[in-house]
Amino acid sequence: MKTIICSFIVLFIGTIAFATVDDVAFAKWEKDIAAIEAKIQSGESPQGSILFVGSSSIRLWNLKESFPRHVTSNHGFGGSQMADSVHFFERIVAPVKPSVIVIYAGDNDLAQKKSPQTVAEDFAQFAAKVKEQLPECRKVIYVAIKPSVKRWALADTIKATNQLIETNCKKDDRLHFLDIWTPMLDVNGQPRPELLLKDGLHMNADGYQIWNNALEAIL
């Protein structure tokens, strides 16, 4: 009997520990998520708009200037990973009832040693939530993880992740893989520093122009 009780206590404590780790990991975004919710409540992120969600490459994207013919909403939060967009889906994605979703995430995940399989599985979870909760959403466009000077050591891992997600997108008519990896490389297959800010990671206007052109073609 004592053995059973002890086992239960260990299991219970372990469960609390895991929950606490998850809670802390997601709680750090609360201020960002609350700000996005305020956009929804104020109408700044209108119902039925094209919703952009993901990490800092989304947050820094000047959507009004890039896509003046479209109604867009920017729900990017810098430093986030794919799992964060999955976790906060019901708060920052579903309420907008977007017609199209554009997502960029995975860059930070790989930098934090997550595997390509984990990133692909997290994207699959995101896509499953769209299918279940947003039947009116016509497209989910996954923007490929970009090449950058700062994270070029991860190039093979990035390519593996992009390939997994592209393969998964081909299995569902509503999922689209946007290849921005190829046009952001030079003739020698190296990242083009002239497309990036001084940090070697985030993009400048020329980098975003490549994304704009590629995305406009399928919006």
N, C-alpha and C. Protein backbone atom coordinates (compact mmCIF):
# COMPACT_ATOMS: atom_id res chain seq x y z
N MET A 1 0.83 -1.20 0.00
CA MET A 1 0.00 0.00 0.00
C MET A 1 0.87 1.26 0.00
N LYS A 2 1.94 1.22 0.84
CA LYS A 2 2.85 2.36 0.91
C LYS A 2 3.52 2.62 -0.44
N THR A 3 3.84 1.51 -1.12
CA THR A 3 4.48 1.63 -2.43
C THR A 3 3.56 2.33 -3.43
N ILE A 4 2.29 1.97 -3.40
CA ILE A 4 1.30 2.56 -4.31
C ILE A 4 1.15 4.05 -4.02
N ILE A 5 1.06 4.39 -2.71
CA ILE A 5 0.91 5.79 -2.32
C ILE A 5 2.12 6.61 -2.74
N CYS A 6 3.31 6.05 -2.50
CA CYS A 6 4.55 6.75 -2.87
C CYS A 6 4.62 6.98 -4.38
N SER A 7 4.22 5.96 -5.12
CA SER A 7 4.25 6.07 -6.58
C SER A 7 3.30 7.16 -7.05
N PHE A 8 2.14 7.23 -6.42
CA PHE A 8 1.14 8.25 -6.77
C PHE A 8 1.68 9.65 -6.47
N ILE A 9 2.33 9.79 -5.33
CA ILE A 9 2.88 11.09 -4.94
C ILE A 9 3.96 11.54 -5.92
N VAL A 10 4.85 10.62 -6.31
CA VAL A 10 5.91 10.94 -7.26
C VAL A 10 5.32 11.36 -8.60
N LEU A 11 4.30 10.61 -9.05
CA LEU A 11 3.65 10.93 -10.31
C LEU A 11 2.98 12.29 -10.25
N PHE A 12 2.32 12.57 -9.12
CA PHE A 12 1.61 13.84 -8.94
C PHE A 12 2.58 15.02 -8.95
N ILE A 13 3.69 14.87 -8.22
CA ILE A 13 4.68 15.93 -8.15
C ILE A 13 5.32 16.15 -9.52
N GLY A 14 5.58 15.04 -10.23
CA GLY A 14 6.15 15.15 -11.56
C GLY A 14 5.23 15.88 -12.51
N THR A 15 3.92 15.61 -12.41
CA THR A 15 2.94 16.28 -13.26
C THR A 15 2.94 17.78 -12.99
N ILE A 16 2.99 18.15 -11.72
CA ILE A 16 3.02 19.57 -11.35
C ILE A 16 4.27 20.24 -11.91
N ALA A 17 5.40 19.53 -11.83
CA ALA A 17 6.66 20.09 -12.31
C ALA A 17 6.60 20.37 -13.80
N PHE A 18 6.06 19.41 -14.57
CA PHE A 18 5.96 19.60 -16.01
C PHE A 18 5.01 20.75 -16.34
N ALA A 19 3.89 20.80 -15.63
CA ALA A 19 2.92 21.86 -15.85
C ALA A 19 3.54 23.21 -15.56
N THR A 20 4.36 23.27 -14.50
CA THR A 20 4.98 24.53 -14.13
C THR A 20 5.96 24.99 -15.21
N VAL A 21 6.73 24.05 -15.76
CA VAL A 21 7.66 24.39 -16.84
C VAL A 21 6.91 24.96 -18.03
N ASP A 22 5.82 24.30 -18.43
CA ASP A 22 5.01 24.78 -19.55
C ASP A 22 4.41 26.14 -19.25
N ASP A 23 3.86 26.28 -18.04
CA ASP A 23 3.23 27.54 -17.67
C ASP A 23 4.22 28.70 -17.74
N VAL A 24 5.42 28.47 -17.26
CA VAL A 24 6.44 29.52 -17.29
C VAL A 24 6.83 29.85 -18.72
N ALA A 25 6.98 28.82 -19.53
CA ALA A 25 7.38 29.01 -20.92
C ALA A 25 6.37 29.86 -21.69
N PHE A 26 5.09 29.63 -21.47
CA PHE A 26 4.06 30.37 -22.18
C PHE A 26 3.69 31.68 -21.49
N ALA A 27 3.85 31.74 -20.17
CA ALA A 27 3.46 32.94 -19.41
C ALA A 27 4.28 34.16 -19.80
N LYS A 28 5.50 33.95 -20.30
CA LYS A 28 6.34 35.09 -20.65
C LYS A 28 5.78 35.90 -21.81
N TRP A 29 4.83 35.29 -22.56
CA TRP A 29 4.24 35.97 -23.70
C TRP A 29 2.96 36.72 -23.34
N GLU A 30 2.56 36.68 -22.11
CA GLU A 30 1.24 37.20 -21.74
C GLU A 30 1.04 38.67 -22.16
N LYS A 31 2.06 39.49 -21.97
CA LYS A 31 1.94 40.91 -22.35
C LYS A 31 1.74 41.05 -23.85
N ASP A 32 2.48 40.27 -24.63
CA ASP A 32 2.34 40.32 -26.09
C ASP A 32 0.97 39.83 -26.53
N ILE A 33 0.51 38.76 -25.91
CA ILE A 33 -0.79 38.19 -26.28
C ILE A 33 -1.92 39.14 -25.91
N ALA A 34 -1.81 39.77 -24.76
CA ALA A 34 -2.82 40.74 -24.34
C ALA A 34 -2.88 41.92 -25.32
N ALA A 35 -1.71 42.35 -25.83
CA ALA A 35 -1.68 43.45 -26.80
C ALA A 35 -2.36 43.05 -28.10
N ILE A 36 -2.16 41.80 -28.51
CA ILE A 36 -2.81 41.30 -29.73
C ILE A 36 -4.32 41.21 -29.52
N GLU A 37 -4.73 40.75 -28.35
CA GLU A 37 -6.16 40.69 -28.04
C GLU A 37 -6.80 42.08 -28.09
N ALA A 38 -6.03 43.08 -27.67
CA ALA A 38 -6.54 44.45 -27.71
C ALA A 38 -6.75 44.90 -29.16
N LYS A 39 -5.87 44.46 -30.06
CA LYS A 39 -6.04 44.75 -31.48
C LYS A 39 -7.35 44.17 -32.00
N ILE A 40 -7.65 42.95 -31.57
CA ILE A 40 -8.87 42.28 -32.01
C ILE A 40 -10.09 43.03 -31.49
N GLN A 41 -10.06 43.37 -30.20
CA GLN A 41 -11.20 44.04 -29.57
C GLN A 41 -11.46 45.43 -30.14
N SER A 42 -10.38 46.12 -30.54
CA SER A 42 -10.52 47.49 -31.05
C SER A 42 -10.92 47.52 -32.53
N GLY A 43 -10.80 46.38 -33.20
CA GLY A 43 -11.09 46.33 -34.63
C GLY A 43 -9.88 46.57 -35.49
N GLU A 44 -8.72 46.80 -34.88
CA GLU A 44 -7.50 46.97 -35.66
C GLU A 44 -7.16 45.71 -36.44
N SER A 45 -7.55 44.56 -35.88
CA SER A 45 -7.43 43.28 -36.58
C SER A 45 -8.84 42.82 -36.95
N PRO A 46 -9.33 43.23 -38.12
CA PRO A 46 -10.73 42.98 -38.48
C PRO A 46 -11.04 41.52 -38.81
N GLN A 47 -12.27 41.17 -38.60
CA GLN A 47 -12.76 39.84 -38.92
C GLN A 47 -12.60 39.57 -40.42
N GLY A 48 -12.18 38.36 -40.75
CA GLY A 48 -12.07 37.97 -42.15
C GLY A 48 -10.83 38.47 -42.86
N SER A 49 -9.93 39.12 -42.13
CA SER A 49 -8.72 39.65 -42.75
C SER A 49 -7.72 38.54 -43.03
N ILE A 50 -6.65 38.89 -43.73
CA ILE A 50 -5.53 37.97 -43.93
C ILE A 50 -4.65 38.10 -42.69
N LEU A 51 -4.54 37.02 -41.94
CA LEU A 51 -3.85 37.06 -40.65
C LEU A 51 -2.42 36.57 -40.77
N PHE A 52 -1.49 37.40 -40.32
CA PHE A 52 -0.08 37.05 -40.27
C PHE A 52 0.27 36.76 -38.81
N VAL A 53 0.85 35.59 -38.57
CA VAL A 53 1.15 35.20 -37.19
C VAL A 53 2.50 34.49 -37.17
N GLY A 54 3.20 34.61 -36.04
CA GLY A 54 4.49 33.95 -35.90
C GLY A 54 5.49 34.82 -35.17
N SER A 55 6.76 34.69 -35.54
CA SER A 55 7.83 35.33 -34.78
C SER A 55 8.16 36.73 -35.31
N SER A 56 9.36 37.22 -34.99
CA SER A 56 9.71 38.61 -35.27
C SER A 56 9.71 38.96 -36.76
N SER A 57 9.98 38.00 -37.63
CA SER A 57 9.92 38.29 -39.06
C SER A 57 8.52 38.68 -39.50
N ILE A 58 7.51 38.20 -38.77
CA ILE A 58 6.13 38.63 -38.99
C ILE A 58 5.91 39.98 -38.32
N ARG A 59 6.32 40.10 -37.07
CA ARG A 59 6.06 41.33 -36.30
C ARG A 59 6.67 42.56 -36.98
N LEU A 60 7.82 42.40 -37.61
CA LEU A 60 8.51 43.54 -38.22
C LEU A 60 8.07 43.81 -39.66
N TRP A 61 7.19 43.01 -40.19
CA TRP A 61 6.72 43.13 -41.57
C TRP A 61 5.72 44.27 -41.68
N ASN A 62 6.00 45.24 -42.50
CA ASN A 62 5.08 46.37 -42.71
C ASN A 62 4.01 45.93 -43.71
N LEU A 63 2.93 45.40 -43.18
CA LEU A 63 1.92 44.78 -44.04
C LEU A 63 1.11 45.80 -44.83
N LYS A 64 0.79 46.93 -44.20
CA LYS A 64 -0.01 47.93 -44.90
C LYS A 64 0.73 48.48 -46.12
N GLU A 65 2.03 48.65 -45.98
CA GLU A 65 2.83 49.14 -47.09
C GLU A 65 3.07 48.03 -48.12
N SER A 66 3.25 46.81 -47.65
CA SER A 66 3.56 45.70 -48.54
C SER A 66 2.35 45.20 -49.32
N PHE A 67 1.17 45.23 -48.69
CA PHE A 67 -0.04 44.68 -49.33
C PHE A 67 -1.20 45.67 -49.23
N PRO A 68 -1.09 46.81 -49.88
CA PRO A 68 -2.12 47.85 -49.75
C PRO A 68 -3.49 47.42 -50.29
N ARG A 69 -3.51 46.43 -51.17
CA ARG A 69 -4.79 45.99 -51.75
C ARG A 69 -5.52 44.98 -50.87
N HIS A 70 -4.89 44.56 -49.78
CA HIS A 70 -5.48 43.53 -48.94
C HIS A 70 -5.72 44.05 -47.53
N VAL A 71 -6.70 43.49 -46.87
CA VAL A 71 -6.95 43.80 -45.46
C VAL A 71 -6.16 42.78 -44.64
N THR A 72 -5.22 43.26 -43.86
CA THR A 72 -4.32 42.37 -43.14
C THR A 72 -4.34 42.63 -41.64
N SER A 73 -3.91 41.65 -40.88
CA SER A 73 -3.74 41.78 -39.43
C SER A 73 -2.39 41.17 -39.06
N ASN A 74 -1.63 41.89 -38.24
CA ASN A 74 -0.30 41.41 -37.84
C ASN A 74 -0.32 40.97 -36.39
N HIS A 75 -0.21 39.66 -36.17
CA HIS A 75 -0.21 39.09 -34.82
C HIS A 75 1.12 38.41 -34.51
N GLY A 76 2.20 38.97 -35.05
CA GLY A 76 3.51 38.42 -34.75
C GLY A 76 3.99 38.83 -33.36
N PHE A 77 4.70 37.94 -32.70
CA PHE A 77 5.33 38.30 -31.42
C PHE A 77 6.76 37.75 -31.42
N GLY A 78 7.71 38.67 -31.35
CA GLY A 78 9.11 38.38 -31.55
C GLY A 78 9.69 37.37 -30.59
N GLY A 79 10.48 36.45 -31.14
CA GLY A 79 11.11 35.42 -30.32
C GLY A 79 10.27 34.17 -30.16
N SER A 80 9.06 34.19 -30.68
CA SER A 80 8.14 33.06 -30.48
C SER A 80 8.51 31.87 -31.35
N GLN A 81 8.01 30.72 -30.95
CA GLN A 81 8.22 29.48 -31.67
C GLN A 81 6.87 28.95 -32.17
N MET A 82 6.92 27.92 -33.00
CA MET A 82 5.69 27.36 -33.55
C MET A 82 4.73 26.92 -32.46
N ALA A 83 5.26 26.31 -31.42
CA ALA A 83 4.41 25.82 -30.33
C ALA A 83 3.66 26.96 -29.64
N ASP A 84 4.24 28.17 -29.65
CA ASP A 84 3.57 29.32 -29.03
C ASP A 84 2.33 29.72 -29.82
N SER A 85 2.43 29.70 -31.14
CA SER A 85 1.26 30.03 -31.97
C SER A 85 0.18 28.96 -31.83
N VAL A 86 0.59 27.72 -31.61
CA VAL A 86 -0.38 26.65 -31.36
C VAL A 86 -1.06 26.87 -30.01
N HIS A 87 -0.26 27.16 -28.99
CA HIS A 87 -0.79 27.31 -27.63
C HIS A 87 -1.79 28.46 -27.53
N PHE A 88 -1.49 29.57 -28.21
CA PHE A 88 -2.34 30.77 -28.10
C PHE A 88 -3.33 30.88 -29.25
N PHE A 89 -3.53 29.82 -29.99
CA PHE A 89 -4.39 29.83 -31.18
C PHE A 89 -5.77 30.39 -30.88
N GLU A 90 -6.37 29.90 -29.79
CA GLU A 90 -7.75 30.30 -29.47
C GLU A 90 -7.85 31.78 -29.07
N ARG A 91 -6.75 32.38 -28.74
CA ARG A 91 -6.76 33.79 -28.32
C ARG A 91 -6.35 34.76 -29.42
N ILE A 92 -5.44 34.35 -30.30
CA ILE A 92 -4.91 35.31 -31.27
C ILE A 92 -5.17 34.94 -32.73
N VAL A 93 -5.70 33.76 -32.98
CA VAL A 93 -5.99 33.35 -34.36
C VAL A 93 -7.48 33.16 -34.58
N ALA A 94 -8.08 32.27 -33.83
CA ALA A 94 -9.49 31.92 -34.03
C ALA A 94 -10.45 33.11 -33.98
N PRO A 95 -10.28 34.06 -33.04
CA PRO A 95 -11.25 35.17 -32.95
C PRO A 95 -11.34 36.04 -34.20
N VAL A 96 -10.29 36.07 -35.01
CA VAL A 96 -10.29 36.91 -36.21
C VAL A 96 -11.08 36.26 -37.35
N LYS A 97 -11.24 34.94 -37.28
CA LYS A 97 -11.90 34.21 -38.37
C LYS A 97 -11.27 34.60 -39.72
N PRO A 98 -9.97 34.45 -39.83
CA PRO A 98 -9.27 34.93 -41.04
C PRO A 98 -9.64 34.18 -42.30
N SER A 99 -9.57 34.89 -43.41
CA SER A 99 -9.82 34.25 -44.71
C SER A 99 -8.59 33.47 -45.16
N VAL A 100 -7.42 33.98 -44.79
CA VAL A 100 -6.14 33.36 -45.10
C VAL A 100 -5.22 33.56 -43.90
N ILE A 101 -4.38 32.58 -43.62
CA ILE A 101 -3.38 32.70 -42.56
C ILE A 101 -2.00 32.55 -43.17
N VAL A 102 -1.11 33.48 -42.82
CA VAL A 102 0.30 33.41 -43.23
C VAL A 102 1.11 33.23 -41.95
N ILE A 103 1.88 32.16 -41.86
CA ILE A 103 2.62 31.90 -40.63
C ILE A 103 4.11 31.72 -40.91
N TYR A 104 4.91 32.38 -40.06
CA TYR A 104 6.36 32.17 -40.10
C TYR A 104 6.82 31.83 -38.70
N ALA A 105 7.28 30.61 -38.52
CA ALA A 105 7.80 30.15 -37.23
C ALA A 105 8.66 28.93 -37.49
N GLY A 106 9.60 28.69 -36.60
CA GLY A 106 10.50 27.56 -36.76
C GLY A 106 11.95 27.98 -36.66
N ASP A 107 12.21 29.20 -37.04
CA ASP A 107 13.56 29.77 -36.99
C ASP A 107 14.11 29.71 -35.56
N ASN A 108 13.35 30.26 -34.63
CA ASN A 108 13.78 30.27 -33.21
C ASN A 108 13.78 28.88 -32.61
N ASP A 109 12.87 28.05 -33.08
CA ASP A 109 12.77 26.67 -32.57
C ASP A 109 14.09 25.92 -32.79
N LEU A 110 14.59 26.01 -34.03
CA LEU A 110 15.82 25.30 -34.37
C LEU A 110 17.02 25.89 -33.63
N ALA A 111 17.00 27.20 -33.43
CA ALA A 111 18.07 27.84 -32.68
C ALA A 111 18.09 27.37 -31.23
N GLN A 112 16.93 26.91 -30.74
CA GLN A 112 16.82 26.38 -29.38
C GLN A 112 16.93 24.86 -29.36
N LYS A 113 17.50 24.30 -30.41
CA LYS A 113 17.85 22.87 -30.49
C LYS A 113 16.65 21.94 -30.70
N LYS A 114 15.51 22.48 -31.11
CA LYS A 114 14.40 21.59 -31.46
C LYS A 114 14.71 20.91 -32.78
N SER A 115 14.17 19.72 -32.97
CA SER A 115 14.43 18.96 -34.18
C SER A 115 13.49 19.37 -35.31
N PRO A 116 13.87 19.12 -36.56
CA PRO A 116 12.96 19.36 -37.68
C PRO A 116 11.62 18.65 -37.50
N GLN A 117 11.67 17.43 -36.97
CA GLN A 117 10.43 16.67 -36.77
C GLN A 117 9.50 17.37 -35.78
N THR A 118 10.08 17.94 -34.72
CA THR A 118 9.26 18.64 -33.72
C THR A 118 8.59 19.86 -34.32
N VAL A 119 9.34 20.63 -35.10
CA VAL A 119 8.78 21.83 -35.73
C VAL A 119 7.66 21.43 -36.70
N ALA A 120 7.90 20.39 -37.49
CA ALA A 120 6.89 19.93 -38.44
C ALA A 120 5.64 19.43 -37.73
N GLU A 121 5.82 18.74 -36.61
CA GLU A 121 4.68 18.25 -35.84
C GLU A 121 3.89 19.41 -35.23
N ASP A 122 4.61 20.42 -34.77
CA ASP A 122 3.92 21.60 -34.20
C ASP A 122 3.12 22.32 -35.29
N PHE A 123 3.68 22.42 -36.49
CA PHE A 123 2.93 23.04 -37.58
C PHE A 123 1.70 22.20 -37.92
N ALA A 124 1.83 20.89 -37.87
CA ALA A 124 0.70 20.01 -38.14
C ALA A 124 -0.41 20.24 -37.12
N GLN A 125 -0.02 20.48 -35.86
CA GLN A 125 -1.01 20.80 -34.83
C GLN A 125 -1.72 22.11 -35.14
N PHE A 126 -0.94 23.10 -35.58
CA PHE A 126 -1.52 24.39 -35.94
C PHE A 126 -2.53 24.21 -37.08
N ALA A 127 -2.13 23.48 -38.11
CA ALA A 127 -3.00 23.24 -39.27
C ALA A 127 -4.26 22.49 -38.86
N ALA A 128 -4.13 21.56 -37.92
CA ALA A 128 -5.28 20.79 -37.45
C ALA A 128 -6.28 21.70 -36.74
N LYS A 129 -5.76 22.67 -35.99
CA LYS A 129 -6.66 23.61 -35.30
C LYS A 129 -7.40 24.48 -36.31
N VAL A 130 -6.71 24.88 -37.36
CA VAL A 130 -7.37 25.67 -38.40
C VAL A 130 -8.51 24.86 -39.01
N LYS A 131 -8.23 23.62 -39.34
CA LYS A 131 -9.24 22.76 -39.97
C LYS A 131 -10.44 22.56 -39.07
N GLU A 132 -10.18 22.41 -37.77
CA GLU A 132 -11.26 22.14 -36.82
C GLU A 132 -12.06 23.39 -36.47
N GLN A 133 -11.38 24.51 -36.27
CA GLN A 133 -12.03 25.70 -35.73
C GLN A 133 -12.35 26.77 -36.77
N LEU A 134 -11.67 26.72 -37.92
CA LEU A 134 -11.84 27.79 -38.92
C LEU A 134 -12.12 27.22 -40.31
N PRO A 135 -13.26 26.59 -40.49
CA PRO A 135 -13.57 25.99 -41.79
C PRO A 135 -13.66 27.02 -42.91
N GLU A 136 -13.88 28.30 -42.55
CA GLU A 136 -13.99 29.35 -43.56
C GLU A 136 -12.63 29.85 -44.06
N CYS A 137 -11.57 29.45 -43.40
CA CYS A 137 -10.22 29.87 -43.80
C CYS A 137 -9.82 29.13 -45.08
N ARG A 138 -9.52 29.87 -46.14
CA ARG A 138 -9.25 29.27 -47.45
C ARG A 138 -7.85 28.69 -47.57
N LYS A 139 -6.87 29.36 -46.94
CA LYS A 139 -5.48 28.94 -47.09
C LYS A 139 -4.70 29.15 -45.80
N VAL A 140 -3.75 28.25 -45.57
CA VAL A 140 -2.72 28.46 -44.55
C VAL A 140 -1.40 28.42 -45.31
N ILE A 141 -0.69 29.54 -45.30
CA ILE A 141 0.55 29.66 -46.06
C ILE A 141 1.72 29.64 -45.08
N TYR A 142 2.54 28.61 -45.20
CA TYR A 142 3.73 28.52 -44.35
C TYR A 142 4.91 29.12 -45.10
N VAL A 143 5.45 30.20 -44.54
CA VAL A 143 6.63 30.83 -45.13
C VAL A 143 7.86 30.04 -44.69
N ALA A 144 8.62 29.54 -45.66
CA ALA A 144 9.80 28.73 -45.36
C ALA A 144 10.74 29.45 -44.40
N ILE A 145 11.43 28.69 -43.57
CA ILE A 145 12.43 29.27 -42.69
C ILE A 145 13.54 29.85 -43.57
N LYS A 146 13.88 31.08 -43.32
CA LYS A 146 14.79 31.81 -44.20
C LYS A 146 16.26 31.48 -43.95
N PRO A 147 17.11 31.69 -44.95
CA PRO A 147 18.55 31.60 -44.73
C PRO A 147 19.04 32.91 -44.12
N SER A 148 19.95 32.85 -43.18
CA SER A 148 20.51 34.06 -42.60
C SER A 148 21.98 33.83 -42.27
N VAL A 149 22.72 34.92 -42.20
CA VAL A 149 24.14 34.84 -41.86
C VAL A 149 24.32 34.32 -40.44
N LYS A 150 23.52 34.83 -39.53
CA LYS A 150 23.68 34.48 -38.12
C LYS A 150 23.45 33.01 -37.85
N ARG A 151 22.49 32.39 -38.57
CA ARG A 151 22.14 31.00 -38.30
C ARG A 151 22.51 30.07 -39.45
N TRP A 152 23.53 30.46 -40.22
CA TRP A 152 23.91 29.64 -41.36
C TRP A 152 24.45 28.28 -40.93
N ALA A 153 24.97 28.17 -39.73
CA ALA A 153 25.45 26.88 -39.22
C ALA A 153 24.30 25.87 -39.14
N LEU A 154 23.06 26.36 -39.10
CA LEU A 154 21.88 25.50 -39.02
C LEU A 154 21.28 25.22 -40.39
N ALA A 155 22.00 25.57 -41.45
CA ALA A 155 21.43 25.48 -42.80
C ALA A 155 20.86 24.10 -43.13
N ASP A 156 21.59 23.05 -42.83
CA ASP A 156 21.10 21.70 -43.14
C ASP A 156 19.85 21.36 -42.35
N THR A 157 19.82 21.78 -41.09
CA THR A 157 18.65 21.54 -40.25
C THR A 157 17.45 22.33 -40.75
N ILE A 158 17.70 23.56 -41.17
CA ILE A 158 16.62 24.39 -41.71
C ILE A 158 16.06 23.76 -42.98
N LYS A 159 16.95 23.33 -43.87
CA LYS A 159 16.49 22.71 -45.12
C LYS A 159 15.68 21.44 -44.85
N ALA A 160 16.09 20.67 -43.86
CA ALA A 160 15.35 19.45 -43.50
C ALA A 160 13.96 19.79 -42.98
N THR A 161 13.89 20.85 -42.18
CA THR A 161 12.60 21.28 -41.63
C THR A 161 11.69 21.77 -42.74
N ASN A 162 12.22 22.62 -43.60
CA ASN A 162 11.43 23.12 -44.73
C ASN A 162 10.91 21.98 -45.60
N GLN A 163 11.75 20.99 -45.83
CA GLN A 163 11.35 19.86 -46.68
C GLN A 163 10.22 19.06 -46.05
N LEU A 164 10.32 18.83 -44.74
CA LEU A 164 9.25 18.09 -44.04
C LEU A 164 7.93 18.83 -44.13
N ILE A 165 7.97 20.13 -43.90
CA ILE A 165 6.73 20.91 -43.91
C ILE A 165 6.18 21.04 -45.33
N GLU A 166 7.06 21.21 -46.31
CA GLU A 166 6.60 21.27 -47.70
C GLU A 166 5.90 19.97 -48.10
N THR A 167 6.47 18.85 -47.69
CA THR A 167 5.86 17.54 -47.99
C THR A 167 4.48 17.43 -47.36
N ASN A 168 4.35 17.88 -46.12
CA ASN A 168 3.06 17.83 -45.44
C ASN A 168 2.05 18.75 -46.11
N CYS A 169 2.50 19.92 -46.57
CA CYS A 169 1.58 20.86 -47.22
C CYS A 169 1.00 20.28 -48.51
N LYS A 170 1.77 19.45 -49.19
CA LYS A 170 1.30 18.86 -50.44
C LYS A 170 0.17 17.85 -50.24
N LYS A 171 -0.05 17.46 -49.00
CA LYS A 171 -1.09 16.48 -48.69
C LYS A 171 -2.46 17.13 -48.43
N ASP A 172 -2.49 18.46 -48.37
CA ASP A 172 -3.73 19.17 -48.04
C ASP A 172 -3.85 20.39 -48.95
N ASP A 173 -4.95 20.48 -49.68
CA ASP A 173 -5.13 21.56 -50.65
C ASP A 173 -5.14 22.94 -50.01
N ARG A 174 -5.48 23.01 -48.73
CA ARG A 174 -5.53 24.32 -48.08
C ARG A 174 -4.18 24.79 -47.55
N LEU A 175 -3.20 23.89 -47.52
CA LEU A 175 -1.87 24.24 -47.02
C LEU A 175 -0.94 24.57 -48.17
N HIS A 176 -0.20 25.65 -48.02
CA HIS A 176 0.72 26.10 -49.07
C HIS A 176 2.08 26.38 -48.45
N PHE A 177 3.12 25.92 -49.13
CA PHE A 177 4.50 26.17 -48.69
C PHE A 177 5.08 27.26 -49.56
N LEU A 178 5.51 28.36 -48.95
CA LEU A 178 6.07 29.49 -49.69
C LEU A 178 7.58 29.45 -49.62
N ASP A 179 8.22 29.13 -50.73
CA ASP A 179 9.67 29.00 -50.78
C ASP A 179 10.33 30.36 -50.93
N ILE A 180 10.84 30.89 -49.83
CA ILE A 180 11.63 32.13 -49.90
C ILE A 180 13.11 31.81 -49.66
N TRP A 181 13.40 30.53 -49.36
CA TRP A 181 14.78 30.10 -49.13
C TRP A 181 15.63 30.31 -50.39
N THR A 182 15.14 29.79 -51.50
CA THR A 182 15.91 29.83 -52.76
C THR A 182 16.23 31.25 -53.22
N PRO A 183 15.25 32.15 -53.31
CA PRO A 183 15.56 33.51 -53.80
C PRO A 183 16.39 34.35 -52.84
N MET A 184 16.56 33.88 -51.59
CA MET A 184 17.37 34.63 -50.64
C MET A 184 18.82 34.15 -50.60
N LEU A 185 19.19 33.24 -51.54
CA LEU A 185 20.57 32.76 -51.64
C LEU A 185 21.25 33.39 -52.85
N ASP A 186 22.58 33.53 -52.78
CA ASP A 186 23.32 34.05 -53.92
C ASP A 186 23.67 32.91 -54.88
N VAL A 187 24.42 33.20 -55.92
CA VAL A 187 24.74 32.20 -56.95
C VAL A 187 25.60 31.06 -56.40
N ASN A 188 26.23 31.29 -55.26
CA ASN A 188 27.06 30.26 -54.62
C ASN A 188 26.31 29.50 -53.54
N GLY A 189 24.99 29.77 -53.44
CA GLY A 189 24.19 29.06 -52.45
C GLY A 189 24.40 29.54 -51.03
N GLN A 190 24.84 30.79 -50.89
CA GLN A 190 25.09 31.37 -49.57
C GLN A 190 24.04 32.45 -49.28
N PRO A 191 23.76 32.73 -48.00
CA PRO A 191 22.80 33.79 -47.68
C PRO A 191 23.31 35.15 -48.15
N ARG A 192 22.40 35.98 -48.60
CA ARG A 192 22.75 37.30 -49.13
C ARG A 192 22.71 38.35 -48.01
N PRO A 193 23.85 38.80 -47.52
CA PRO A 193 23.86 39.75 -46.41
C PRO A 193 23.19 41.07 -46.72
N GLU A 194 23.11 41.43 -48.01
CA GLU A 194 22.48 42.71 -48.37
C GLU A 194 20.97 42.69 -48.15
N LEU A 195 20.42 41.51 -47.85
CA LEU A 195 18.97 41.41 -47.57
C LEU A 195 18.67 41.49 -46.08
N LEU A 196 19.74 41.56 -45.27
CA LEU A 196 19.57 41.47 -43.82
C LEU A 196 20.04 42.73 -43.12
N LEU A 197 19.54 42.91 -41.90
CA LEU A 197 20.00 44.00 -41.05
C LEU A 197 21.40 43.67 -40.53
N LYS A 198 21.99 44.58 -39.78
CA LYS A 198 23.34 44.39 -39.27
C LYS A 198 23.46 43.19 -38.34
N ASP A 199 22.32 42.75 -37.75
CA ASP A 199 22.38 41.59 -36.85
C ASP A 199 22.55 40.28 -37.61
N GLY A 200 22.46 40.32 -38.95
CA GLY A 200 22.64 39.13 -39.76
C GLY A 200 21.50 38.14 -39.66
N LEU A 201 20.39 38.56 -39.04
CA LEU A 201 19.25 37.65 -38.83
C LEU A 201 17.96 38.22 -39.39
N HIS A 202 17.62 39.41 -38.98
CA HIS A 202 16.36 40.01 -39.42
C HIS A 202 16.54 40.70 -40.77
N MET A 203 15.45 40.88 -41.48
CA MET A 203 15.53 41.39 -42.85
C MET A 203 15.35 42.89 -42.94
N ASN A 204 15.94 43.44 -44.00
CA ASN A 204 15.70 44.84 -44.33
C ASN A 204 14.61 44.90 -45.39
N ALA A 205 14.39 46.09 -45.95
CA ALA A 205 13.31 46.27 -46.93
C ALA A 205 13.52 45.40 -48.17
N ASP A 206 14.78 45.22 -48.58
CA ASP A 206 15.05 44.39 -49.76
C ASP A 206 14.71 42.92 -49.51
N GLY A 207 14.99 42.47 -48.30
CA GLY A 207 14.63 41.10 -47.94
C GLY A 207 13.12 40.91 -47.95
N TYR A 208 12.41 41.86 -47.36
CA TYR A 208 10.95 41.76 -47.33
C TYR A 208 10.35 41.86 -48.73
N GLN A 209 11.01 42.58 -49.63
CA GLN A 209 10.47 42.69 -50.98
C GLN A 209 10.41 41.33 -51.66
N ILE A 210 11.39 40.49 -51.38
CA ILE A 210 11.37 39.12 -51.91
C ILE A 210 10.16 38.37 -51.37
N TRP A 211 9.91 38.51 -50.08
CA TRP A 211 8.75 37.86 -49.47
C TRP A 211 7.46 38.42 -50.06
N ASN A 212 7.39 39.73 -50.22
CA ASN A 212 6.19 40.37 -50.76
C ASN A 212 5.85 39.81 -52.14
N ASN A 213 6.87 39.75 -52.99
CA ASN A 213 6.64 39.27 -54.36
C ASN A 213 6.18 37.82 -54.39
N ALA A 214 6.81 36.99 -53.56
CA ALA A 214 6.45 35.58 -53.54
C ALA A 214 5.04 35.37 -52.99
N LEU A 215 4.70 36.12 -51.97
CA LEU A 215 3.39 35.94 -51.33
C LEU A 215 2.27 36.51 -52.18
N GLU A 216 2.49 37.67 -52.76
CA GLU A 216 1.45 38.33 -53.58
C GLU A 216 0.98 37.41 -54.70
N ALA A 217 1.89 36.60 -55.19
CA ALA A 217 1.56 35.71 -56.31
C ALA A 217 0.52 34.66 -55.94
N ILE A 218 0.38 34.33 -54.64
CA ILE A 218 -0.59 33.29 -54.28
C ILE A 218 -1.70 33.80 -53.36
N LEU A 219 -1.68 35.09 -53.04
CA LEU A 219 -2.78 35.61 -52.22
C LEU A 219 -4.04 35.69 -53.07
